[in-house]
Amino acid sequence: MPSWAKGAGLAAAAGTTLAGAGAAGLRALIRRSLPDTDGMLAAPGLHGVVTVDRDAWGVPRITASHGHDLFFGAGFVHAQDRFWQMEVNRHLPESILRM
């Protein structure tokens, strides 16, 4: 086998390994940016109990006994789901995205 073929095989193996490591790192970064959807939170200004249940796809179902509380819950869920985008957009102008 010619020496260039061995070098090409090693380069292909190294490239595949680096691509796999990059994909694993990207997946970890995305997972870390997902919101914490378990637990309870007490917020001042609510008139009653607000319940947020998420299905298997992460789609929220918000229930509340008062309209004000319902809108508060919807705003909270929206902010929770979109925080990662705001954080990424904050770092883009400076090009300082880090893991």
C-alpha atoms as a PDB file:
ATOM      1  CA  MET A   1       0.000   0.000   0.000  1.00  0.00           C
ATOM      2  CA  PRO A   2       1.421   3.400  -0.964  1.00  0.00           C
ATOM      3  CA  SER A   3       2.372   5.744   1.847  1.00  0.00           C
ATOM      4  CA  TRP A   4      -0.069   8.428   0.654  1.00  0.00           C
ATOM      5  CA  ALA A   5      -2.948   5.944   1.074  1.00  0.00           C
ATOM      6  CA  LYS A   6      -1.957   5.299   4.695  1.00  0.00           C
ATOM      7  CA  GLY A   7      -1.816   9.044   5.298  1.00  0.00           C
ATOM      8  CA  ALA A   8      -5.221   9.529   3.683  1.00  0.00           C
ATOM      9  CA  GLY A   9      -6.676   6.752   5.834  1.00  0.00           C
ATOM     10  CA  LEU A  10      -5.267   8.318   8.993  1.00  0.00           C
ATOM     11  CA  ALA A  11      -6.576  11.743   7.977  1.00  0.00           C
ATOM     12  CA  ALA A  12     -10.030  10.298   7.334  1.00  0.00           C
ATOM     13  CA  ALA A  13     -10.027   8.537  10.715  1.00  0.00           C
ATOM     14  CA  ALA A  14      -8.901  11.720  12.480  1.00  0.00           C
ATOM     15  CA  GLY A  15     -11.562  13.757  10.677  1.00  0.00           C
ATOM     16  CA  THR A  16     -14.273  11.289  11.624  1.00  0.00           C
ATOM     17  CA  THR A  17     -13.148  11.325  15.256  1.00  0.00           C
ATOM     18  CA  LEU A  18     -13.093  15.126  15.362  1.00  0.00           C
ATOM     19  CA  ALA A  19     -16.527  15.347  13.730  1.00  0.00           C
ATOM     20  CA  GLY A  20     -17.948  12.903  16.280  1.00  0.00           C
ATOM     21  CA  ALA A  21     -16.407  14.831  19.164  1.00  0.00           C
ATOM     22  CA  GLY A  22     -17.763  18.088  17.753  1.00  0.00           C
ATOM     23  CA  ALA A  23     -21.255  16.624  17.407  1.00  0.00           C
ATOM     24  CA  ALA A  24     -21.145  15.322  20.985  1.00  0.00           C
ATOM     25  CA  GLY A  25     -20.001  18.729  22.239  1.00  0.00           C
ATOM     26  CA  LEU A  26     -22.762  20.496  20.320  1.00  0.00           C
ATOM     27  CA  ARG A  27     -25.368  18.128  21.730  1.00  0.00           C
ATOM     28  CA  ALA A  28     -24.103  18.756  25.272  1.00  0.00           C
ATOM     29  CA  LEU A  29     -24.229  22.519  24.683  1.00  0.00           C
ATOM     30  CA  ILE A  30     -27.805  22.335  23.410  1.00  0.00           C
ATOM     31  CA  ARG A  31     -28.887  20.091  26.296  1.00  0.00           C
ATOM     32  CA  ARG A  32     -27.358  22.449  28.840  1.00  0.00           C
ATOM     33  CA  SER A  33     -29.290  25.397  27.412  1.00  0.00           C
ATOM     34  CA  LEU A  34     -32.695  23.728  27.848  1.00  0.00           C
ATOM     35  CA  PRO A  35     -34.896  25.172  30.603  1.00  0.00           C
ATOM     36  CA  ASP A  36     -35.438  23.464  33.932  1.00  0.00           C
ATOM     37  CA  THR A  37     -39.054  22.307  33.764  1.00  0.00           C
ATOM     38  CA  ASP A  38     -39.298  20.426  37.071  1.00  0.00           C
ATOM     39  CA  GLY A  39     -40.137  21.825  40.483  1.00  0.00           C
ATOM     40  CA  MET A  40     -42.179  24.637  41.952  1.00  0.00           C
ATOM     41  CA  LEU A  41     -41.697  28.394  41.963  1.00  0.00           C
ATOM     42  CA  ALA A  42     -43.336  31.035  44.126  1.00  0.00           C
ATOM     43  CA  ALA A  43     -43.843  34.370  42.362  1.00  0.00           C
ATOM     44  CA  PRO A  44     -45.146  37.534  44.026  1.00  0.00           C
ATOM     45  CA  GLY A  45     -48.256  39.130  42.537  1.00  0.00           C
ATOM     46  CA  LEU A  46     -50.140  35.966  41.612  1.00  0.00           C
ATOM     47  CA  HIS A  47     -53.781  35.696  42.652  1.00  0.00           C
ATOM     48  CA  GLY A  48     -53.871  31.895  42.639  1.00  0.00           C
ATOM     49  CA  VAL A  49     -52.081  28.764  41.547  1.00  0.00           C
ATOM     50  CA  VAL A  50     -50.625  28.518  38.052  1.00  0.00           C
ATOM     51  CA  THR A  51     -49.810  25.051  36.744  1.00  0.00           C
ATOM     52  CA  VAL A  52     -47.561  24.404  33.757  1.00  0.00           C
ATOM     53  CA  ASP A  53     -47.548  20.847  32.425  1.00  0.00           C
ATOM     54  CA  ARG A  54     -45.439  19.864  29.446  1.00  0.00           C
ATOM     55  CA  ASP A  55     -46.143  16.937  27.156  1.00  0.00           C
ATOM     56  CA  ALA A  56     -43.535  14.565  25.744  1.00  0.00           C
ATOM     57  CA  TRP A  57     -42.605  17.150  23.074  1.00  0.00           C
ATOM     58  CA  GLY A  58     -42.142  19.948  25.621  1.00  0.00           C
ATOM     59  CA  VAL A  59     -45.310  21.805  24.619  1.00  0.00           C
ATOM     60  CA  PRO A  60     -46.650  23.644  27.689  1.00  0.00           C
ATOM     61  CA  ARG A  61     -50.236  23.406  28.973  1.00  0.00           C
ATOM     62  CA  ILE A  62     -50.926  26.317  31.310  1.00  0.00           C
ATOM     63  CA  THR A  63     -53.863  26.365  33.728  1.00  0.00           C
ATOM     64  CA  ALA A  64     -54.796  29.167  36.107  1.00  0.00           C
ATOM     65  CA  SER A  65     -57.868  30.340  38.014  1.00  0.00           C
ATOM     66  CA  HIS A  66     -57.411  34.014  37.078  1.00  0.00           C
ATOM     67  CA  GLY A  67     -56.665  35.688  33.730  1.00  0.00           C
ATOM     68  CA  HIS A  68     -53.782  37.696  35.175  1.00  0.00           C
ATOM     69  CA  ASP A  69     -52.158  34.496  36.418  1.00  0.00           C
ATOM     70  CA  LEU A  70     -52.669  32.815  33.053  1.00  0.00           C
ATOM     71  CA  PHE A  71     -50.868  35.615  31.221  1.00  0.00           C
ATOM     72  CA  PHE A  72     -48.091  35.608  33.812  1.00  0.00           C
ATOM     73  CA  GLY A  73     -47.643  31.854  33.289  1.00  0.00           C
ATOM     74  CA  ALA A  74     -47.603  32.262  29.505  1.00  0.00           C
ATOM     75  CA  GLY A  75     -44.975  34.996  29.739  1.00  0.00           C
ATOM     76  CA  PHE A  76     -42.860  32.937  32.114  1.00  0.00           C
ATOM     77  CA  VAL A  77     -42.966  29.879  29.835  1.00  0.00           C
ATOM     78  CA  HIS A  78     -42.161  32.007  26.790  1.00  0.00           C
ATOM     79  CA  ALA A  79     -39.147  33.551  28.515  1.00  0.00           C
ATOM     80  CA  GLN A  80     -38.032  30.158  29.768  1.00  0.00           C
ATOM     81  CA  ASP A  81     -38.182  28.637  26.299  1.00  0.00           C
ATOM     82  CA  ARG A  82     -36.487  31.531  24.508  1.00  0.00           C
ATOM     83  CA  PHE A  83     -33.697  32.344  26.979  1.00  0.00           C
ATOM     84  CA  TRP A  84     -31.127  30.317  25.042  1.00  0.00           C
ATOM     85  CA  GLN A  85     -31.807  32.350  21.897  1.00  0.00           C
ATOM     86  CA  MET A  86     -31.385  35.634  23.755  1.00  0.00           C
ATOM     87  CA  GLU A  87     -28.135  34.384  25.277  1.00  0.00           C
ATOM     88  CA  VAL A  88     -26.725  33.277  21.912  1.00  0.00           C
ATOM     89  CA  ASN A  89     -27.758  36.541  20.233  1.00  0.00           C
ATOM     90  CA  ARG A  90     -26.084  38.486  23.032  1.00  0.00           C
ATOM     91  CA  HIS A  91     -22.738  36.821  22.285  1.00  0.00           C
ATOM     92  CA  LEU A  92     -22.899  36.801  18.468  1.00  0.00           C
ATOM     93  CA  PRO A  93     -21.718  40.399  17.864  1.00  0.00           C
ATOM     94  CA  GLU A  94     -18.554  39.747  19.852  1.00  0.00           C
ATOM     95  CA  SER A  95     -18.042  36.231  18.472  1.00  0.00           C
ATOM     96  CA  ILE A  96     -17.414  34.815  21.940  1.00  0.00           C
ATOM     97  CA  LEU A  97     -19.513  31.665  21.877  1.00  0.00           C
ATOM     98  CA  ARG A  98     -17.855  29.242  24.268  1.00  0.00           C
ATOM     99  CA  MET A  99     -18.796  25.935  25.825  1.00  0.00           C
END
